[in-house]
């Protein structure tokens, strides 16, 4: 009987923890923004031989065109 009660408490705690984690991650995604590439990110992309500054510009335009969950279209 005690083992069953302890199991129920553990399961309840795990469920509440999971729901809190889901809520926090959902909030983080909704509050996320679109930011331009940093200089370090640009340097990493430019290390790939197929990419140049024109591709960086296209990539930044694509980032700005992204639709985030908290934006209305």
N, C-alpha and C. Protein backbone atom coordinates (compact mmCIF):
# COMPACT_ATOMS: atom_id res chain seq x y z
N UNK A 1 0.82 -1.20 0.00
CA UNK A 1 0.00 0.00 0.00
C UNK A 1 0.86 1.26 0.00
N UNK A 2 1.90 1.24 0.84
CA UNK A 2 2.81 2.39 0.90
C UNK A 2 3.56 2.53 -0.42
N UNK A 3 3.96 1.39 -1.00
CA UNK A 3 4.68 1.42 -2.27
C UNK A 3 3.80 2.00 -3.38
N UNK A 4 2.54 1.65 -3.39
CA UNK A 4 1.62 2.18 -4.40
C UNK A 4 1.43 3.68 -4.24
N UNK A 5 1.31 4.13 -3.00
CA UNK A 5 1.16 5.57 -2.74
C UNK A 5 2.42 6.32 -3.15
N UNK A 6 3.58 5.77 -2.80
CA UNK A 6 4.85 6.39 -3.18
C UNK A 6 4.99 6.44 -4.70
N UNK A 7 4.59 5.36 -5.38
CA UNK A 7 4.63 5.34 -6.84
C UNK A 7 3.74 6.41 -7.45
N UNK A 8 2.56 6.58 -6.87
CA UNK A 8 1.63 7.60 -7.37
C UNK A 8 2.21 9.00 -7.18
N UNK A 9 2.87 9.23 -6.06
CA UNK A 9 3.49 10.54 -5.80
C UNK A 9 4.62 10.78 -6.80
N UNK A 10 5.42 9.77 -7.04
CA UNK A 10 6.53 9.91 -8.01
C UNK A 10 6.00 10.18 -9.41
N UNK A 11 4.98 9.46 -9.82
CA UNK A 11 4.39 9.67 -11.14
C UNK A 11 3.79 11.07 -11.26
N UNK A 12 3.12 11.52 -10.21
CA UNK A 12 2.54 12.86 -10.22
C UNK A 12 3.61 13.93 -10.33
N UNK A 13 4.70 13.75 -9.58
CA UNK A 13 5.81 14.71 -9.62
C UNK A 13 6.43 14.74 -11.01
N UNK A 14 6.63 13.58 -11.60
CA UNK A 14 7.21 13.52 -12.94
C UNK A 14 6.29 14.18 -13.96
N UNK A 15 4.99 13.96 -13.83
CA UNK A 15 4.03 14.56 -14.76
C UNK A 15 4.02 16.08 -14.65
N UNK A 16 4.01 16.58 -13.42
CA UNK A 16 4.02 18.03 -13.22
C UNK A 16 5.32 18.63 -13.77
N UNK A 17 6.44 17.97 -13.52
CA UNK A 17 7.72 18.45 -14.03
C UNK A 17 7.73 18.51 -15.56
N UNK A 18 7.17 17.48 -16.19
CA UNK A 18 7.12 17.45 -17.65
C UNK A 18 6.23 18.58 -18.19
N UNK A 19 5.09 18.81 -17.54
CA UNK A 19 4.20 19.88 -17.99
C UNK A 19 4.85 21.25 -17.83
N UNK A 20 5.59 21.45 -16.76
CA UNK A 20 6.30 22.72 -16.57
C UNK A 20 7.36 22.89 -17.65
N UNK A 21 8.10 21.84 -17.95
CA UNK A 21 9.14 21.91 -18.99
C UNK A 21 8.53 22.23 -20.35
N UNK A 22 7.41 21.61 -20.67
CA UNK A 22 6.74 21.89 -21.94
C UNK A 22 6.27 23.33 -21.99
N UNK A 23 5.71 23.81 -20.88
CA UNK A 23 5.25 25.20 -20.83
C UNK A 23 6.39 26.19 -21.01
N UNK A 24 7.53 25.92 -20.38
CA UNK A 24 8.69 26.82 -20.50
C UNK A 24 9.25 26.82 -21.92
N UNK A 25 9.32 25.64 -22.53
CA UNK A 25 9.85 25.58 -23.89
C UNK A 25 8.90 26.25 -24.88
N UNK A 26 7.61 26.09 -24.67
CA UNK A 26 6.63 26.74 -25.54
C UNK A 26 6.74 28.27 -25.42
N UNK A 27 6.91 28.74 -24.20
CA UNK A 27 7.06 30.18 -23.97
C UNK A 27 8.34 30.70 -24.63
N UNK A 28 9.41 29.93 -24.55
CA UNK A 28 10.68 30.35 -25.15
C UNK A 28 10.56 30.45 -26.67
N UNK A 29 9.86 29.50 -27.28
CA UNK A 29 9.68 29.53 -28.73
C UNK A 29 8.82 30.73 -29.13
N UNK A 30 7.78 31.02 -28.37
CA UNK A 30 6.91 32.14 -28.70
C UNK A 30 7.61 33.48 -28.54
N UNK A 31 8.55 33.57 -27.60
CA UNK A 31 9.25 34.82 -27.37
C UNK A 31 10.52 34.95 -28.20
N UNK A 32 10.83 33.94 -28.98
CA UNK A 32 12.04 33.98 -29.80
C UNK A 32 11.90 35.06 -30.87
N UNK A 33 12.99 35.62 -31.24
CA UNK A 33 12.97 36.65 -32.27
C UNK A 33 13.86 36.28 -33.44
N UNK A 34 13.83 37.14 -34.41
CA UNK A 34 14.67 36.96 -35.59
C UNK A 34 15.82 37.95 -35.48
N UNK A 35 17.03 37.44 -35.49
CA UNK A 35 18.20 38.29 -35.36
C UNK A 35 19.11 38.07 -36.56
N UNK A 36 19.80 39.11 -36.99
CA UNK A 36 20.74 38.93 -38.10
C UNK A 36 21.89 38.02 -37.69
N UNK A 37 22.57 37.49 -38.67
CA UNK A 37 23.71 36.62 -38.39
C UNK A 37 24.80 37.41 -37.67
N UNK A 38 25.45 36.76 -36.72
CA UNK A 38 26.58 37.39 -36.04
C UNK A 38 27.82 37.29 -36.95
N UNK A 39 28.83 38.04 -36.61
CA UNK A 39 30.06 37.97 -37.40
C UNK A 39 30.68 36.57 -37.36
N UNK A 40 30.59 35.91 -36.21
CA UNK A 40 31.11 34.55 -36.10
C UNK A 40 30.34 33.59 -37.01
N UNK A 41 29.01 33.73 -37.06
CA UNK A 41 28.21 32.87 -37.92
C UNK A 41 28.53 33.12 -39.40
N UNK A 42 28.72 34.38 -39.75
CA UNK A 42 29.09 34.70 -41.13
C UNK A 42 30.44 34.08 -41.48
N UNK A 43 31.38 34.15 -40.56
CA UNK A 43 32.70 33.57 -40.80
C UNK A 43 32.61 32.06 -41.01
N UNK A 44 31.76 31.41 -40.23
CA UNK A 44 31.59 29.95 -40.37
C UNK A 44 31.01 29.62 -41.74
N UNK A 45 29.99 30.36 -42.16
CA UNK A 45 29.36 30.10 -43.46
C UNK A 45 30.36 30.37 -44.59
N UNK A 46 31.15 31.41 -44.45
CA UNK A 46 32.10 31.76 -45.51
C UNK A 46 33.27 30.78 -45.60
N UNK A 47 33.44 29.93 -44.61
CA UNK A 47 34.48 28.90 -44.69
C UNK A 47 34.12 27.82 -45.69
N UNK A 48 32.83 27.71 -46.01
CA UNK A 48 32.40 26.74 -47.01
C UNK A 48 32.69 27.34 -48.38
N UNK A 49 33.46 26.64 -49.22
CA UNK A 49 33.88 27.23 -50.50
C UNK A 49 32.74 27.68 -51.41
N UNK A 50 31.58 27.06 -51.33
CA UNK A 50 30.47 27.39 -52.22
C UNK A 50 29.75 28.68 -51.82
N UNK A 51 30.03 29.24 -50.66
CA UNK A 51 29.32 30.41 -50.18
C UNK A 51 30.16 31.67 -50.30
N UNK A 52 29.48 32.79 -50.62
CA UNK A 52 30.14 34.08 -50.66
C UNK A 52 29.23 35.11 -50.01
N UNK A 53 29.59 36.39 -50.06
CA UNK A 53 28.81 37.43 -49.40
C UNK A 53 27.39 37.56 -49.96
N UNK A 54 27.20 37.25 -51.23
CA UNK A 54 25.86 37.28 -51.81
C UNK A 54 24.97 36.25 -51.12
N UNK A 55 25.53 35.08 -50.86
CA UNK A 55 24.76 34.04 -50.18
C UNK A 55 24.44 34.46 -48.74
N UNK A 56 25.35 35.18 -48.11
CA UNK A 56 25.10 35.68 -46.75
C UNK A 56 23.89 36.63 -46.79
N UNK A 57 23.86 37.52 -47.77
CA UNK A 57 22.73 38.45 -47.90
C UNK A 57 21.42 37.70 -48.11
N UNK A 58 21.45 36.68 -48.96
CA UNK A 58 20.24 35.88 -49.21
C UNK A 58 19.80 35.14 -47.95
N UNK A 59 20.78 34.65 -47.20
CA UNK A 59 20.47 33.96 -45.96
C UNK A 59 19.83 34.90 -44.95
N UNK A 60 20.35 36.11 -44.83
CA UNK A 60 19.76 37.08 -43.90
C UNK A 60 18.35 37.49 -44.33
N UNK A 61 18.12 37.60 -45.64
CA UNK A 61 16.77 37.90 -46.13
C UNK A 61 15.81 36.75 -45.78
N UNK A 62 16.29 35.53 -45.92
CA UNK A 62 15.46 34.37 -45.59
C UNK A 62 15.10 34.35 -44.11
N UNK A 63 16.05 34.74 -43.27
CA UNK A 63 15.77 34.80 -41.83
C UNK A 63 14.69 35.83 -41.56
N UNK A 64 14.75 36.98 -42.20
CA UNK A 64 13.75 38.01 -41.97
C UNK A 64 12.38 37.60 -42.50
N UNK A 65 12.35 36.74 -43.51
CA UNK A 65 11.08 36.29 -44.08
C UNK A 65 10.43 35.16 -43.29
N UNK A 66 11.15 34.59 -42.31
CA UNK A 66 10.58 33.52 -41.52
C UNK A 66 9.36 33.99 -40.75
N UNK A 67 8.39 33.13 -40.64
CA UNK A 67 7.20 33.45 -39.85
C UNK A 67 7.30 32.72 -38.53
N UNK A 68 7.29 33.47 -37.43
CA UNK A 68 7.39 32.88 -36.10
C UNK A 68 6.00 32.60 -35.54
N UNK A 69 5.89 31.67 -34.58
CA UNK A 69 4.57 31.31 -34.04
C UNK A 69 3.81 32.48 -33.43
N UNK A 70 4.50 33.47 -32.89
CA UNK A 70 3.80 34.58 -32.23
C UNK A 70 3.48 35.73 -33.18
N UNK A 71 3.80 35.57 -34.46
CA UNK A 71 3.50 36.61 -35.44
C UNK A 71 2.23 36.25 -36.19
N UNK A 72 1.42 37.25 -36.44
CA UNK A 72 0.22 37.03 -37.25
C UNK A 72 0.54 37.37 -38.69
N UNK A 73 0.05 36.55 -39.61
CA UNK A 73 0.34 36.78 -41.03
C UNK A 73 -0.69 37.69 -41.64
